PDB file of all heavy atoms in Angstrom:
ATOM      1  N   ALA A   1       0.837  -1.247  -0.052  1.00  0.00           N
ATOM      2  CA  ALA A   1      -0.039   0.007   0.011  1.00  0.00           C
ATOM      3  C   ALA A   1       0.888   1.271  -0.045  1.00  0.00           C
ATOM      4  O   ALA A   1       0.623   2.210  -0.773  1.00  0.00           O
ATOM      5  CB  ALA A   1      -1.015   0.025   1.135  1.00  0.00           C
ATOM      6  N   ARG A   2       2.006   1.253   0.764  1.00  0.00           N
ATOM      7  CA  ARG A   2       2.884   2.450   0.829  1.00  0.00           C
ATOM      8  C   ARG A   2       3.550   2.562  -0.518  1.00  0.00           C
ATOM      9  O   ARG A   2       3.763   3.686  -0.915  1.00  0.00           O
ATOM     10  CB  ARG A   2       3.759   2.252   2.070  1.00  0.00           C
ATOM     11  CG  ARG A   2       3.147   2.577   3.410  1.00  0.00           C
ATOM     12  CD  ARG A   2       4.079   2.201   4.499  1.00  0.00           C
ATOM     13  NE  ARG A   2       3.618   2.618   5.818  1.00  0.00           N
ATOM     14  CZ  ARG A   2       4.074   2.218   6.926  1.00  0.00           C
ATOM     15  NH1 ARG A   2       5.102   1.336   7.027  1.00  0.00           N
ATOM     16  NH2 ARG A   2       3.511   2.712   8.068  1.00  0.00           N
ATOM     17  N   LYS A   3       4.097   1.445  -1.044  1.00  0.00           N
ATOM     18  CA  LYS A   3       4.652   1.454  -2.387  1.00  0.00           C
ATOM     19  C   LYS A   3       3.807   2.090  -3.405  1.00  0.00           C
ATOM     20  O   LYS A   3       4.216   3.021  -4.179  1.00  0.00           O
ATOM     21  CB  LYS A   3       4.985  -0.018  -2.707  1.00  0.00           C
ATOM     22  CG  LYS A   3       5.507  -0.068  -4.160  1.00  0.00           C
ATOM     23  CD  LYS A   3       5.739  -1.550  -4.524  1.00  0.00           C
ATOM     24  CE  LYS A   3       6.082  -1.705  -5.993  1.00  0.00           C
ATOM     25  NZ  LYS A   3       6.205  -3.138  -6.362  1.00  0.00           N
ATOM     26  N   ALA A   4       2.486   1.747  -3.337  1.00  0.00           N
ATOM     27  CA  ALA A   4       1.639   2.242  -4.408  1.00  0.00           C
ATOM     28  C   ALA A   4       1.331   3.756  -4.170  1.00  0.00           C
ATOM     29  O   ALA A   4       1.292   4.577  -5.043  1.00  0.00           O
ATOM     30  CB  ALA A   4       0.150   1.541  -4.326  1.00  0.00           C
ATOM     31  N   THR A   5       1.274   4.171  -2.907  1.00  0.00           N
ATOM     32  CA  THR A   5       1.139   5.675  -2.506  1.00  0.00           C
ATOM     33  C   THR A   5       2.376   6.430  -2.990  1.00  0.00           C
ATOM     34  O   THR A   5       2.288   7.534  -3.540  1.00  0.00           O
ATOM     35  CB  THR A   5       0.987   5.801  -1.064  1.00  0.00           C
ATOM     36  OG1 THR A   5      -0.132   4.968  -0.599  1.00  0.00           O
ATOM     37  CG2 THR A   5       0.657   7.208  -0.694  1.00  0.00           C
ATOM     38  N   LEU A   6       3.554   5.883  -2.876  1.00  0.00           N
ATOM     39  CA  LEU A   6       4.719   6.507  -3.102  1.00  0.00           C
ATOM     40  C   LEU A   6       4.873   6.770  -4.756  1.00  0.00           C
ATOM     41  O   LEU A   6       5.140   7.854  -5.158  1.00  0.00           O
ATOM     42  CB  LEU A   6       6.083   5.734  -2.636  1.00  0.00           C
ATOM     43  CG  LEU A   6       6.270   5.956  -1.074  1.00  0.00           C
ATOM     44  CD1 LEU A   6       7.369   4.862  -0.713  1.00  0.00           C
ATOM     45  CD2 LEU A   6       6.757   7.218  -0.789  1.00  0.00           C
ATOM     46  N   LEU A   7       4.575   5.578  -5.409  1.00  0.00           N
ATOM     47  CA  LEU A   7       4.640   5.700  -6.821  1.00  0.00           C
ATOM     48  C   LEU A   7       3.547   6.600  -7.372  1.00  0.00           C
ATOM     49  O   LEU A   7       3.723   7.261  -8.431  1.00  0.00           O
ATOM     50  CB  LEU A   7       4.490   4.353  -7.387  1.00  0.00           C
ATOM     51  CG  LEU A   7       5.575   3.393  -7.182  1.00  0.00           C
ATOM     52  CD1 LEU A   7       5.278   1.938  -7.631  1.00  0.00           C
ATOM     53  CD2 LEU A   7       6.958   3.886  -7.790  1.00  0.00           C
ATOM     54  N   LYS A   8       2.373   6.729  -6.816  1.00  0.00           N
ATOM     55  CA  LYS A   8       1.339   7.617  -7.229  1.00  0.00           C
ATOM     56  C   LYS A   8       1.746   9.158  -6.944  1.00  0.00           C
ATOM     57  O   LYS A   8       1.614   9.956  -7.823  1.00  0.00           O
ATOM     58  CB  LYS A   8       0.062   7.372  -6.443  1.00  0.00           C
ATOM     59  CG  LYS A   8      -1.109   8.255  -6.773  1.00  0.00           C
ATOM     60  CD  LYS A   8      -2.361   7.851  -6.181  1.00  0.00           C
ATOM     61  CE  LYS A   8      -3.476   8.688  -6.587  1.00  0.00           C
ATOM     62  NZ  LYS A   8      -4.773   8.408  -5.952  1.00  0.00           N
ATOM     63  N   LYS A   9       2.467   9.341  -5.883  1.00  0.00           N
ATOM     64  CA  LYS A   9       3.007  10.698  -5.619  1.00  0.00           C
ATOM     65  C   LYS A   9       4.070  11.156  -6.468  1.00  0.00           C
ATOM     66  O   LYS A   9       4.055  12.194  -7.057  1.00  0.00           O
ATOM     67  CB  LYS A   9       3.403  10.730  -4.058  1.00  0.00           C
ATOM     68  CG  LYS A   9       4.151  12.011  -3.680  1.00  0.00           C
ATOM     69  CD  LYS A   9       3.298  13.182  -3.566  1.00  0.00           C
ATOM     70  CE  LYS A   9       3.989  14.444  -3.062  1.00  0.00           C
ATOM     71  NZ  LYS A   9       3.200  15.588  -3.035  1.00  0.00           N
ATOM     72  N   PHE A  10       5.108  10.298  -6.688  1.00  0.00           N
ATOM     73  CA  PHE A  10       6.259  10.681  -7.426  1.00  0.00           C
ATOM     74  C   PHE A  10       6.339  10.109  -8.853  1.00  0.00           C
ATOM     75  O   PHE A  10       7.146  10.636  -9.667  1.00  0.00           O
ATOM     76  CB  PHE A  10       7.512  10.195  -6.711  1.00  0.00           C
ATOM     77  CG  PHE A  10       7.838  10.793  -5.307  1.00  0.00           C
ATOM     78  CD1 PHE A  10       7.390  10.239  -4.158  1.00  0.00           C
ATOM     79  CD2 PHE A  10       8.338  12.126  -5.174  1.00  0.00           C
ATOM     80  CE1 PHE A  10       7.516  10.820  -2.974  1.00  0.00           C
ATOM     81  CE2 PHE A  10       8.446  12.677  -4.025  1.00  0.00           C
ATOM     82  CZ  PHE A  10       8.060  12.041  -2.836  1.00  0.00           C
ATOM     83  N   GLY A  11       5.467   9.166  -9.288  1.00  0.00           N
ATOM     84  CA  GLY A  11       5.420   8.805 -10.579  1.00  0.00           C
ATOM     85  C   GLY A  11       6.407   7.509 -10.992  1.00  0.00           C
ATOM     86  O   GLY A  11       5.944   6.708 -11.741  1.00  0.00           O
ATOM     87  N   SER A  12       7.483   7.579 -10.366  1.00  0.00           N
ATOM     88  CA  SER A  12       8.477   6.559 -10.686  1.00  0.00           C
ATOM     89  C   SER A  12       9.586   6.455  -9.479  1.00  0.00           C
ATOM     90  O   SER A  12       9.699   7.461  -8.827  1.00  0.00           O
ATOM     91  CB  SER A  12       9.229   6.758 -12.069  1.00  0.00           C
ATOM     92  OG  SER A  12      10.004   7.858 -11.949  1.00  0.00           O
ATOM     93  N   VAL A  13      10.387   5.436  -9.544  1.00  0.00           N
ATOM     94  CA  VAL A  13      11.311   5.273  -8.543  1.00  0.00           C
ATOM     95  C   VAL A  13      12.486   6.245  -8.891  1.00  0.00           C
ATOM     96  O   VAL A  13      13.184   6.775  -7.959  1.00  0.00           O
ATOM     97  CB  VAL A  13      11.936   3.923  -8.571  1.00  0.00           C
ATOM     98  CG1 VAL A  13      13.154   3.746  -7.632  1.00  0.00           C
ATOM     99  CG2 VAL A  13      10.906   2.792  -8.033  1.00  0.00           C
ATOM    100  N   ALA A  14      12.779   6.498 -10.219  1.00  0.00           N
ATOM    101  CA  ALA A  14      13.741   7.531 -10.527  1.00  0.00           C
ATOM    102  C   ALA A  14      13.418   8.932 -10.004  1.00  0.00           C
ATOM    103  O   ALA A  14      14.313   9.547  -9.479  1.00  0.00           O
ATOM    104  CB  ALA A  14      13.804   7.566 -12.096  1.00  0.00           C
ATOM    105  N   ARG A  15      12.217   9.373  -9.941  1.00  0.00           N
ATOM    106  CA  ARG A  15      11.755  10.614  -9.478  1.00  0.00           C
ATOM    107  C   ARG A  15      11.916  10.547  -8.003  1.00  0.00           C
ATOM    108  O   ARG A  15      12.361  11.589  -7.251  1.00  0.00           O
ATOM    109  CB  ARG A  15      10.449  11.027  -9.922  1.00  0.00           C
ATOM    110  CG  ARG A  15      10.422  11.347 -11.395  1.00  0.00           C
ATOM    111  CD  ARG A  15       9.002  11.826 -11.774  1.00  0.00           C
ATOM    112  NE  ARG A  15       8.977  12.065 -13.263  1.00  0.00           N
ATOM    113  CZ  ARG A  15       7.727  12.217 -13.806  1.00  0.00           C
ATOM    114  NH1 ARG A  15       6.639  12.411 -13.235  1.00  0.00           N
ATOM    115  NH2 ARG A  15       7.836  12.551 -15.259  1.00  0.00           N
ATOM    116  N   LEU A  16      11.611   9.466  -7.438  1.00  0.00           N
ATOM    117  CA  LEU A  16      11.672   9.291  -5.902  1.00  0.00           C
ATOM    118  C   LEU A  16      13.148   9.355  -5.407  1.00  0.00           C
ATOM    119  O   LEU A  16      13.317   9.965  -4.359  1.00  0.00           O
ATOM    120  CB  LEU A  16      10.949   7.866  -5.513  1.00  0.00           C
ATOM    121  CG  LEU A  16      11.120   7.598  -4.033  1.00  0.00           C
ATOM    122  CD1 LEU A  16      10.318   8.617  -3.152  1.00  0.00           C
ATOM    123  CD2 LEU A  16      10.521   6.058  -3.823  1.00  0.00           C
ATOM    124  N   ARG A  17      14.018   8.830  -6.221  1.00  0.00           N
ATOM    125  CA  ARG A  17      15.391   9.004  -5.900  1.00  0.00           C
ATOM    126  C   ARG A  17      15.892  10.394  -5.771  1.00  0.00           C
ATOM    127  O   ARG A  17      16.772  10.820  -4.930  1.00  0.00           O
ATOM    128  CB  ARG A  17      16.323   8.220  -6.946  1.00  0.00           C
ATOM    129  CG  ARG A  17      16.288   6.817  -6.873  1.00  0.00           C
ATOM    130  CD  ARG A  17      17.150   6.219  -8.034  1.00  0.00           C
ATOM    131  NE  ARG A  17      17.025   4.775  -8.228  1.00  0.00           N
ATOM    132  CZ  ARG A  17      17.734   3.918  -7.621  1.00  0.00           C
ATOM    133  NH1 ARG A  17      18.536   4.230  -6.666  1.00  0.00           N
ATOM    134  NH2 ARG A  17      17.494   2.603  -8.002  1.00  0.00           N
ATOM    135  N   LYS A  18      15.313  11.314  -6.583  1.00  0.00           N
ATOM    136  CA  LYS A  18      15.737  12.696  -6.635  1.00  0.00           C
ATOM    137  C   LYS A  18      15.072  13.533  -5.548  1.00  0.00           C
ATOM    138  O   LYS A  18      15.421  14.674  -5.333  1.00  0.00           O
ATOM    139  CB  LYS A  18      15.430  13.390  -8.058  1.00  0.00           C
ATOM    140  CG  LYS A  18      16.088  12.686  -9.117  1.00  0.00           C
ATOM    141  CD  LYS A  18      15.724  13.273 -10.480  1.00  0.00           C
ATOM    142  CE  LYS A  18      16.515  12.642 -11.680  1.00  0.00           C
ATOM    143  NZ  LYS A  18      16.027  13.115 -12.915  1.00  0.00           N
ATOM    144  N   ALA A  19      14.090  12.945  -4.766  1.00  0.00           N
ATOM    145  CA  ALA A  19      13.431  13.783  -3.860  1.00  0.00           C
ATOM    146  C   ALA A  19      14.246  13.656  -2.537  1.00  0.00           C
ATOM    147  O   ALA A  19      15.192  12.887  -2.435  1.00  0.00           O
ATOM    148  CB  ALA A  19      12.096  13.123  -3.482  1.00  0.00           C
ATOM    149  N   THR A  20      13.927  14.582  -1.619  1.00  0.00           N
ATOM    150  CA  THR A  20      14.590  14.686  -0.266  1.00  0.00           C
ATOM    151  C   THR A  20      13.746  13.841   0.691  1.00  0.00           C
ATOM    152  O   THR A  20      12.498  13.459   0.538  1.00  0.00           O
ATOM    153  CB  THR A  20      14.634  16.068   0.159  1.00  0.00           C
ATOM    154  OG1 THR A  20      13.357  16.630   0.265  1.00  0.00           O
ATOM    155  CG2 THR A  20      15.534  16.985  -0.839  1.00  0.00           C
ATOM    156  N   ALA A  21      14.289  13.457   1.826  1.00  0.00           N
ATOM    157  CA  ALA A  21      13.633  12.801   2.891  1.00  0.00           C
ATOM    158  C   ALA A  21      12.392  13.581   3.407  1.00  0.00           C
ATOM    159  O   ALA A  21      11.414  12.994   3.621  1.00  0.00           O
ATOM    160  CB  ALA A  21      14.511  12.373   4.059  1.00  0.00           C
ATOM    161  N   ALA A  22      12.618  14.973   3.385  1.00  0.00           N
ATOM    162  CA  ALA A  22      11.493  15.777   3.859  1.00  0.00           C
ATOM    163  C   ALA A  22      10.298  15.680   2.866  1.00  0.00           C
ATOM    164  O   ALA A  22       9.177  15.753   3.290  1.00  0.00           O
ATOM    165  CB  ALA A  22      11.978  17.185   4.049  1.00  0.00           C
ATOM    166  N   GLU A  23      10.667  15.622   1.612  1.00  0.00           N
ATOM    167  CA  GLU A  23       9.503  15.510   0.664  1.00  0.00           C
ATOM    168  C   GLU A  23       8.740  14.219   0.654  1.00  0.00           C
ATOM    169  O   GLU A  23       7.627  14.090   0.553  1.00  0.00           O
ATOM    170  CB  GLU A  23      10.028  15.839  -0.763  1.00  0.00           C
ATOM    171  CG  GLU A  23      10.537  17.244  -1.048  1.00  0.00           C
ATOM    172  CD  GLU A  23      11.243  17.368  -2.278  1.00  0.00           C
ATOM    173  OE1 GLU A  23      11.821  16.294  -2.737  1.00  0.00           O
ATOM    174  OE2 GLU A  23      11.185  18.423  -2.904  1.00  0.00           O
ATOM    175  N   VAL A  24       9.545  13.106   0.924  1.00  0.00           N
ATOM    176  CA  VAL A  24       9.014  11.857   1.089  1.00  0.00           C
ATOM    177  C   VAL A  24       8.074  11.820   2.294  1.00  0.00           C
ATOM    178  O   VAL A  24       7.131  11.203   2.306  1.00  0.00           O
ATOM    179  CB  VAL A  24      10.102  10.859   1.103  1.00  0.00           C
ATOM    180  CG1 VAL A  24       9.550   9.347   1.323  1.00  0.00           C
ATOM    181  CG2 VAL A  24      10.892  10.751  -0.283  1.00  0.00           C
ATOM    182  N   ALA A  25       8.453  12.376   3.326  1.00  0.00           N
ATOM    183  CA  ALA A  25       7.799  12.372   4.642  1.00  0.00           C
ATOM    184  C   ALA A  25       6.476  12.983   4.438  1.00  0.00           C
ATOM    185  O   ALA A  25       5.591  12.848   5.348  1.00  0.00           O
ATOM    186  CB  ALA A  25       8.651  13.043   5.733  1.00  0.00           C
ATOM    187  N   THR A  26       6.178  13.799   3.505  1.00  0.00           N
ATOM    188  CA  THR A  26       4.952  14.497   3.316  1.00  0.00           C
ATOM    189  C   THR A  26       3.876  13.555   2.720  1.00  0.00           C
ATOM    190  O   THR A  26       2.664  13.916   2.719  1.00  0.00           O
ATOM    191  CB  THR A  26       4.977  15.637   2.344  1.00  0.00           C
ATOM    192  OG1 THR A  26       5.443  15.214   0.977  1.00  0.00           O
ATOM    193  CG2 THR A  26       6.024  16.791   2.752  1.00  0.00           C
ATOM    194  N   VAL A  27       4.257  12.416   2.284  1.00  0.00           N
ATOM    195  CA  VAL A  27       3.355  11.334   1.788  1.00  0.00           C
ATOM    196  C   VAL A  27       2.533  10.823   2.885  1.00  0.00           C
ATOM    197  O   VAL A  27       3.228  10.360   3.938  1.00  0.00           O
ATOM    198  CB  VAL A  27       4.129  10.241   0.964  1.00  0.00           C
ATOM    199  CG1 VAL A  27       3.117   9.251   0.474  1.00  0.00           C
ATOM    200  CG2 VAL A  27       4.899  10.909  -0.218  1.00  0.00           C
ATOM    201  N   PRO A  28       1.308  10.608   2.907  1.00  0.00           N
ATOM    202  CA  PRO A  28       0.420  10.053   3.899  1.00  0.00           C
ATOM    203  C   PRO A  28       1.027   8.649   4.247  1.00  0.00           C
ATOM    204  O   PRO A  28       1.172   7.784   3.353  1.00  0.00           O
ATOM    205  CB  PRO A  28      -0.995   9.972   3.355  1.00  0.00           C
ATOM    206  CG  PRO A  28      -0.901  11.031   2.304  1.00  0.00           C
ATOM    207  CD  PRO A  28       0.335  11.214   1.775  1.00  0.00           C
ATOM    208  N   GLY A  29       1.100   8.393   5.601  1.00  0.00           N
ATOM    209  CA  GLY A  29       1.603   7.063   5.997  1.00  0.00           C
ATOM    210  C   GLY A  29       3.059   6.878   6.101  1.00  0.00           C
ATOM    211  O   GLY A  29       3.588   5.911   6.464  1.00  0.00           O
ATOM    212  N   ILE A  30       3.850   7.913   5.622  1.00  0.00           N
ATOM    213  CA  ILE A  30       5.399   7.828   5.681  1.00  0.00           C
ATOM    214  C   ILE A  30       5.827   8.830   6.638  1.00  0.00           C
ATOM    215  O   ILE A  30       5.786  10.011   6.626  1.00  0.00           O
ATOM    216  CB  ILE A  30       5.893   8.220   4.234  1.00  0.00           C
ATOM    217  CG1 ILE A  30       5.391   7.301   3.210  1.00  0.00           C
ATOM    218  CG2 ILE A  30       7.381   7.949   4.366  1.00  0.00           C
ATOM    219  CD1 ILE A  30       5.502   5.825   3.330  1.00  0.00           C
ATOM    220  N   SER A  31       6.483   8.197   7.769  1.00  0.00           N
ATOM    221  CA  SER A  31       6.999   9.119   8.865  1.00  0.00           C
ATOM    222  C   SER A  31       8.491   9.519   8.433  1.00  0.00           C
ATOM    223  O   SER A  31       8.977   9.182   7.437  1.00  0.00           O
ATOM    224  CB  SER A  31       7.138   8.219  10.066  1.00  0.00           C
ATOM    225  OG  SER A  31       8.215   7.245   9.949  1.00  0.00           O
ATOM    226  N   THR A  32       8.916  10.592   9.246  1.00  0.00           N
ATOM    227  CA  THR A  32      10.224  11.094   8.953  1.00  0.00           C
ATOM    228  C   THR A  32      11.287   9.973   8.986  1.00  0.00           C
ATOM    229  O   THR A  32      12.242   9.932   8.145  1.00  0.00           O
ATOM    230  CB  THR A  32      10.593  12.221   9.906  1.00  0.00           C
ATOM    231  OG1 THR A  32       9.489  13.188   9.818  1.00  0.00           O
ATOM    232  CG2 THR A  32      11.929  12.760   9.585  1.00  0.00           C
TER     233      THR A  32
END
């Protein structure tokens, strides 16, 4: 479920790699 939420937010793992931890923490269900 968290994987699907992350991919929906960032579109791909490549874009997720370029994000910061703070940006990832804004996704619902993802703590700092």
